[in-house]
Amino acid sequence: MTERFYLKFMKTKFIKPQAALKERYLAQGANRVCDEKGYVRNPHENLIAGITMRDFEADLLEGDGNELRMKFCAIHSSAALAVNTFACFKSFPTAFWLWGLPGLEKIKFERKFPIFDEQSEHKSEANLDVFIKRNSDFIAIESKLLEYFSPKEAKFKPAYTENNLSLAEPCWLEAMNKSQEAGRQNLDVAQLVKHYFGLRRFQVTQNIQAETITLLYLYWEPINADNHPICKQHRKEIDVLREAVKSSEIVFKAMSYRELWVEWSHSDFLKTHVENLKKRYAVEL
């Protein structure tokens, strides 16, 4: 199946990713309701078992209240996916597990990082879905659900110049330039580059050691992702960016939510949490 044919095929209502997630949501109880666009009435209706509003509400209101009142209410919200995945660690930080290492010190949702100097006339911020501090390391997470199924062009405002981004490393500046020449891509390189700019300023101004900040791109895939050209192309574009910025002091990593769930399934404490996540998000297209 060619990608062009696949894109046309995806328009049918039975195999749209959004429709699949909506169907799964509604199948989990007679009291589950949403509108035709896949939005629930209140944020708490979009949470899986074990997650409560008090685990994250203050963070989202502090970051961007509209995120909680509007986007978060979408069944296909990537922010809600991040909250459903990580909010439990607000109350149980020692249960956290990633890359073979346990525990965390602090976790925050919707953490913002200024991209330009405070004295600059240009105002822009990198907004990370999840920010974790673990000992001397930091993990900044960008969560994606269905966004990459709609390719987009990389766009930057005129302020994004080498002179205004004097702290940026050459490999990321090159990635920015190449992304603008690449045309429409499934991977939102522009967003990741902007996240890097914010994290790089944070690293330099706070005098944080090299390679202690990881920008983690965490993305959802259907169970049968290996059969879908869009998922394959998305992975290829991730690999291209990872190779392009491998020399950076900000470590760029990527993994799917399914890979994360596999790692967590080995933890007795997290097994039930993983099953709840799968019940909600593990669908086939």
Protein backbone atom coordinates (compact mmCIF):
# COMPACT_ATOMS: atom_id res chain seq x y z
CA MET A 1 0.00 0.00 0.00
CA THR A 2 1.49 3.35 -1.01
CA GLU A 3 1.44 6.22 1.47
CA ARG A 4 -0.81 8.26 -0.83
CA PHE A 5 -3.36 5.45 -1.00
CA TYR A 6 -3.03 4.91 2.73
CA LEU A 7 -3.81 8.56 3.46
CA LYS A 8 -6.96 8.28 1.34
CA PHE A 9 -7.83 5.00 3.05
CA MET A 10 -7.43 6.60 6.49
CA LYS A 11 -10.33 8.94 5.72
CA THR A 12 -12.88 6.16 6.12
CA LYS A 13 -14.53 6.36 9.52
CA PHE A 14 -13.85 2.78 10.57
CA ILE A 15 -10.07 2.93 10.53
CA LYS A 16 -9.33 6.52 11.50
CA PRO A 17 -7.08 6.52 14.57
CA GLN A 18 -9.35 9.06 16.23
CA ALA A 19 -12.41 6.87 15.65
CA ALA A 20 -10.60 3.81 17.02
CA LEU A 21 -9.68 5.61 20.24
CA LYS A 22 -13.21 6.98 20.58
CA GLU A 23 -14.69 3.53 20.12
CA ARG A 24 -12.36 2.09 22.75
CA TYR A 25 -13.22 4.88 25.19
CA LEU A 26 -16.97 4.41 24.81
CA ALA A 27 -16.68 0.62 25.15
CA GLN A 28 -15.30 0.94 28.67
CA GLY A 29 -18.60 1.72 30.38
CA ALA A 30 -22.22 2.69 29.80
CA ASN A 31 -21.62 6.02 31.52
CA ARG A 32 -18.94 7.01 29.00
CA VAL A 33 -20.12 9.79 26.70
CA CYS A 34 -18.48 12.24 24.32
CA ASP A 35 -19.52 14.47 21.45
CA GLU A 36 -19.18 13.53 17.79
CA LYS A 37 -15.71 15.09 17.64
CA GLY A 38 -14.45 12.94 20.49
CA TYR A 39 -14.53 15.45 23.36
CA VAL A 40 -15.70 14.64 26.87
CA ARG A 41 -17.63 17.14 28.98
CA ASN A 42 -15.12 17.50 31.82
CA PRO A 43 -11.38 16.79 32.18
CA HIS A 44 -11.86 14.16 34.89
CA GLU A 45 -13.88 12.05 32.44
CA ASN A 46 -10.74 11.63 30.34
CA LEU A 47 -8.71 9.96 33.10
CA ILE A 48 -7.93 6.27 33.48
CA ALA A 49 -8.42 4.38 36.75
CA GLY A 50 -6.02 5.46 39.46
CA ILE A 51 -5.49 9.04 38.17
CA THR A 52 -7.21 11.99 39.85
CA MET A 53 -7.41 15.71 39.08
CA ARG A 54 -5.40 16.59 42.17
CA ASP A 55 -2.42 14.74 40.67
CA PHE A 56 -1.95 17.31 37.92
CA GLU A 57 -4.61 20.05 37.84
CA ALA A 58 -2.45 22.73 39.50
CA ASP A 59 0.35 22.17 36.95
CA LEU A 60 -1.95 22.53 33.94
CA LEU A 61 -3.68 25.61 35.33
CA GLU A 62 -0.30 27.18 35.99
CA GLY A 63 0.94 26.31 32.51
CA ASP A 64 -2.02 26.99 30.26
CA GLY A 65 -5.56 26.87 31.62
CA ASN A 66 -7.00 26.50 28.14
CA GLU A 67 -5.12 23.19 27.78
CA LEU A 68 -7.16 21.75 30.65
CA ARG A 69 -10.53 23.21 29.66
CA MET A 70 -10.28 22.53 25.93
CA LYS A 71 -7.59 20.32 24.38
CA PHE A 72 -7.34 18.04 27.40
CA CYS A 73 -10.97 17.02 26.99
CA ALA A 74 -10.27 15.35 23.66
CA ILE A 75 -10.16 11.57 23.85
CA HIS A 76 -7.22 11.80 21.44
CA SER A 77 -5.36 14.43 23.53
CA SER A 78 -1.62 13.80 23.78
CA ALA A 79 -1.53 15.91 26.97
CA ALA A 80 -4.15 13.65 28.54
CA LEU A 81 -2.13 10.61 27.47
CA ALA A 82 0.92 12.08 29.23
CA VAL A 83 -1.08 12.80 32.38
CA ASN A 84 -2.67 9.36 32.40
CA THR A 85 0.78 7.85 32.04
CA PHE A 86 2.81 9.91 34.51
CA ALA A 87 0.49 11.58 37.05
CA CYS A 88 0.58 8.61 39.43
CA PHE A 89 4.24 9.40 40.16
CA LYS A 90 3.27 12.63 41.89
CA SER A 91 2.11 10.47 44.81
CA PHE A 92 4.47 7.52 44.26
CA PRO A 93 7.80 8.94 43.00
CA THR A 94 9.78 5.85 44.00
CA ALA A 95 7.65 3.71 41.66
CA PHE A 96 8.91 5.55 38.59
CA TRP A 97 11.12 3.49 36.29
CA LEU A 98 12.89 4.47 33.09
CA TRP A 99 15.87 3.06 31.20
CA GLY A 100 16.59 0.58 33.97
CA LEU A 101 16.75 3.21 36.72
CA PRO A 102 14.11 3.72 39.44
CA GLY A 103 12.68 6.75 41.18
CA LEU A 104 12.40 10.48 40.65
CA GLU A 105 12.65 13.60 42.80
CA LYS A 106 10.14 15.87 41.10
CA ILE A 107 7.69 15.77 38.22
CA LYS A 108 5.81 18.67 36.65
CA PHE A 109 3.39 18.93 33.75
CA GLU A 110 3.36 21.78 31.22
CA ARG A 111 6.81 23.11 32.15
CA LYS A 112 7.81 26.22 30.17
CA PHE A 113 11.32 27.30 29.19
CA PRO A 114 12.09 30.72 27.64
CA ILE A 115 13.80 30.38 24.27
CA PHE A 116 15.28 33.86 23.97
CA ASP A 117 17.22 35.99 26.43
CA GLU A 118 15.08 37.77 29.03
CA GLN A 119 16.21 41.14 27.70
CA SER A 120 15.29 40.19 24.15
CA GLU A 121 12.34 41.82 22.43
CA HIS A 122 11.38 38.36 21.21
CA LYS A 123 9.17 36.33 23.52
CA SER A 124 8.70 32.62 22.98
CA GLU A 125 8.67 29.57 25.23
CA ALA A 126 9.20 25.85 24.86
CA ASN A 127 6.29 24.08 26.55
CA LEU A 128 7.16 20.50 27.59
CA ASP A 129 4.38 18.08 28.47
CA VAL A 130 6.34 16.50 31.34
CA PHE A 131 9.52 17.56 33.15
CA ILE A 132 11.22 15.15 35.52
CA LYS A 133 14.16 15.66 37.85
CA ARG A 134 15.98 12.50 38.84
CA ASN A 135 19.09 13.03 40.97
CA SER A 136 21.34 15.26 38.85
CA ASP A 137 19.51 14.39 35.62
CA PHE A 138 16.52 16.02 33.92
CA ILE A 139 14.09 14.38 31.49
CA ALA A 140 11.96 16.68 29.33
CA ILE A 141 9.15 14.81 27.59
CA GLU A 142 7.23 15.77 24.48
CA SER A 143 4.15 13.54 24.21
CA LYS A 144 2.50 12.71 20.90
CA LEU A 145 -0.67 10.77 20.18
CA LEU A 146 -2.21 11.31 16.73
CA GLU A 147 -0.45 14.53 15.70
CA TYR A 148 2.08 12.85 13.43
CA PHE A 149 -0.66 11.28 11.31
CA SER A 150 -1.09 14.76 9.79
CA PRO A 151 2.19 15.84 8.12
CA LYS A 152 3.14 19.49 8.42
CA GLU A 153 5.82 21.90 7.28
CA ALA A 154 8.42 23.22 9.72
CA LYS A 155 7.88 26.92 10.33
CA PHE A 156 9.85 29.40 12.41
CA LYS A 157 9.25 33.08 13.07
CA PRO A 158 11.85 35.56 11.74
CA ALA A 159 13.33 35.84 15.25
CA TYR A 160 14.79 32.35 14.97
CA THR A 161 18.21 33.35 13.68
CA GLU A 162 21.71 32.26 14.63
CA ASN A 163 22.37 35.67 16.19
CA ASN A 164 19.30 35.45 18.44
CA LEU A 165 20.09 31.82 19.31
CA SER A 166 23.73 32.27 20.26
CA LEU A 167 23.64 29.46 22.85
CA ALA A 168 22.45 26.84 20.36
CA GLU A 169 24.79 24.13 19.13
CA PRO A 170 25.55 23.95 15.37
CA CYS A 171 23.91 20.53 14.95
CA TRP A 172 20.52 21.84 16.11
CA LEU A 173 20.79 25.01 14.06
CA GLU A 174 21.47 22.83 11.04
CA ALA A 175 18.49 20.65 11.94
CA MET A 176 16.34 23.78 12.02
CA ASN A 177 17.52 24.87 8.58
CA LYS A 178 17.11 21.43 7.03
CA SER A 179 13.63 21.01 8.47
CA GLN A 180 12.47 24.11 6.61
CA GLU A 181 13.77 22.65 3.36
CA ALA A 182 12.25 19.20 3.89
CA GLY A 183 8.62 20.04 3.14
CA ARG A 184 5.79 18.26 4.93
CA GLN A 185 6.90 15.67 7.47
CA ASN A 186 5.16 13.41 9.97
CA LEU A 187 7.67 14.30 12.68
CA ASP A 188 7.19 17.84 13.98
CA VAL A 189 10.89 18.72 13.86
CA ALA A 190 10.19 22.43 14.37
CA GLN A 191 8.58 21.79 17.73
CA LEU A 192 11.43 19.56 18.90
CA VAL A 193 14.01 22.12 17.78
CA LYS A 194 12.21 24.82 19.76
CA HIS A 195 12.13 22.54 22.79
CA TYR A 196 15.88 22.14 22.42
CA PHE A 197 16.41 25.91 22.28
CA GLY A 198 14.49 26.31 25.56
CA LEU A 199 16.30 23.45 27.26
CA ARG A 200 19.67 24.67 26.00
CA ARG A 201 19.10 28.11 27.52
CA PHE A 202 18.07 26.42 30.76
CA GLN A 203 21.19 24.27 30.70
CA VAL A 204 23.63 27.11 30.07
CA THR A 205 22.07 29.73 32.35
CA GLN A 206 21.71 27.24 35.22
CA ASN A 207 25.22 25.86 34.62
CA ILE A 208 23.96 22.29 34.28
CA GLN A 209 26.49 19.70 33.17
CA ALA A 210 26.52 18.32 29.65
CA GLU A 211 24.44 15.23 28.86
CA THR A 212 22.36 15.44 32.04
CA ILE A 213 19.30 16.78 30.19
CA THR A 214 17.42 14.41 27.93
CA LEU A 215 14.78 15.53 25.47
CA LEU A 216 12.55 12.47 25.21
CA TYR A 217 10.12 12.22 22.31
CA LEU A 218 7.43 9.81 23.51
CA TYR A 219 4.89 8.78 20.90
CA TRP A 220 1.80 6.61 20.65
CA GLU A 221 1.46 3.87 18.03
CA PRO A 222 -1.35 1.41 17.26
CA ILE A 223 -0.77 -2.24 18.07
CA ASN A 224 -0.24 -3.03 14.39
CA ALA A 225 2.05 -0.06 13.66
CA ASP A 226 4.43 -2.23 11.64
CA ASN A 227 1.71 -2.54 8.99
CA HIS A 228 1.18 1.20 8.51
CA PRO A 229 3.36 3.32 6.19
CA ILE A 230 2.75 6.48 8.23
CA CYS A 231 4.14 4.86 11.37
CA LYS A 232 7.14 3.55 9.45
CA GLN A 233 7.83 6.95 7.90
CA HIS A 234 7.49 8.61 11.28
CA ARG A 235 10.13 6.28 12.72
CA LYS A 236 12.48 6.99 9.82
CA GLU A 237 12.20 10.72 10.41
CA ILE A 238 12.93 10.21 14.10
CA ASP A 239 16.07 8.27 13.20
CA VAL A 240 17.20 11.05 10.86
CA LEU A 241 16.89 13.69 13.58
CA ARG A 242 18.51 11.48 16.19
CA GLU A 243 21.52 10.96 13.94
CA ALA A 244 21.71 14.66 13.09
CA VAL A 245 21.93 15.81 16.72
CA LYS A 246 23.87 12.94 18.26
CA SER A 247 26.76 15.26 19.19
CA SER A 248 24.54 17.59 21.23
CA GLU A 249 24.98 18.19 24.96
CA ILE A 250 21.19 17.86 25.20
CA VAL A 251 20.59 14.16 24.62
CA PHE A 252 17.76 13.44 22.20
CA LYS A 253 15.96 10.12 22.65
CA ALA A 254 12.74 8.68 21.30
CA MET A 255 10.57 5.76 22.29
CA SER A 256 6.99 4.67 21.82
CA TYR A 257 4.50 4.44 24.65
CA ARG A 258 4.27 0.73 23.89
CA GLU A 259 8.00 0.38 24.56
CA LEU A 260 7.57 2.26 27.83
CA TRP A 261 4.72 -0.01 28.86
CA VAL A 262 6.86 -3.08 28.18
CA GLU A 263 9.52 -1.75 30.54
CA TRP A 264 6.96 -0.93 33.20
CA SER A 265 5.25 -4.31 32.92
CA HIS A 266 8.24 -5.83 34.72
CA SER A 267 7.40 -3.79 37.83
CA ASP A 268 4.89 -5.42 40.18
CA PHE A 269 3.73 -1.97 41.31
CA LEU A 270 3.13 -0.71 37.75
CA LYS A 271 1.50 -3.80 36.21
CA THR A 272 -2.04 -2.66 37.00
CA HIS A 273 -1.25 0.85 35.79
CA VAL A 274 0.06 -0.53 32.50
CA GLU A 275 -3.05 -2.65 32.03
CA ASN A 276 -5.25 0.41 32.58
CA LEU A 277 -3.26 2.33 29.97
CA LYS A 278 -3.54 -0.51 27.48
CA LYS A 279 -7.29 -0.82 28.02
CA ARG A 280 -7.61 2.81 27.01
CA TYR A 281 -4.94 3.31 24.34
CA ALA A 282 -3.84 -0.05 22.89
CA VAL A 283 -5.93 -0.20 19.73
CA GLU A 284 -5.48 -1.71 16.28
CA LEU A 285 -6.05 0.24 13.08
